[in-house]
Amino acid sequence: LQSHYNKCVFEQDMVEYRAEGLAVDEVMFVDNQPTMDLLTGRLGVFDLLDSECISQHGSDANFLASMQTELKHHKSKAFVKPRVGLDIFAIRHYAGLVEYDAKGFRDKNLDTLP
């Protein structure tokens, strides 16, 4: 949603204003698309979580390990590896660092909506 908003407001509107001959200053904004790719892209956080849910032997520990293996070199550099001995990992969003406790992630993802 943030990426869509940025494109509409900061890119498309600026092009339209310039086409109409209006003098507008360049608006600088953080492009959150690389972080979105980290979350939703192929071999991203959600893809890895879904893989753990499909696996008969899936677990939160395997989820953390697969994230550490697959995401440590992601172009966004937004993934912060789990701290040793803890089930906590972090993702750098545009607003700052957000920590997540992976305990129960797999089971929560197995829940079905009513």
Foldseek 3Di string as FASTA:
>chain_A
DVQVVCCVPQPVVVVVCVVVVHDDDHDDDDRQVLVVCQCPNVLHLVNLLVVLLVDPPRDLVVSLVSCCVRVCPRPVNQKAHDDPPAQKIWGQGRVGIDIDRSHCVNVVVPDDDD
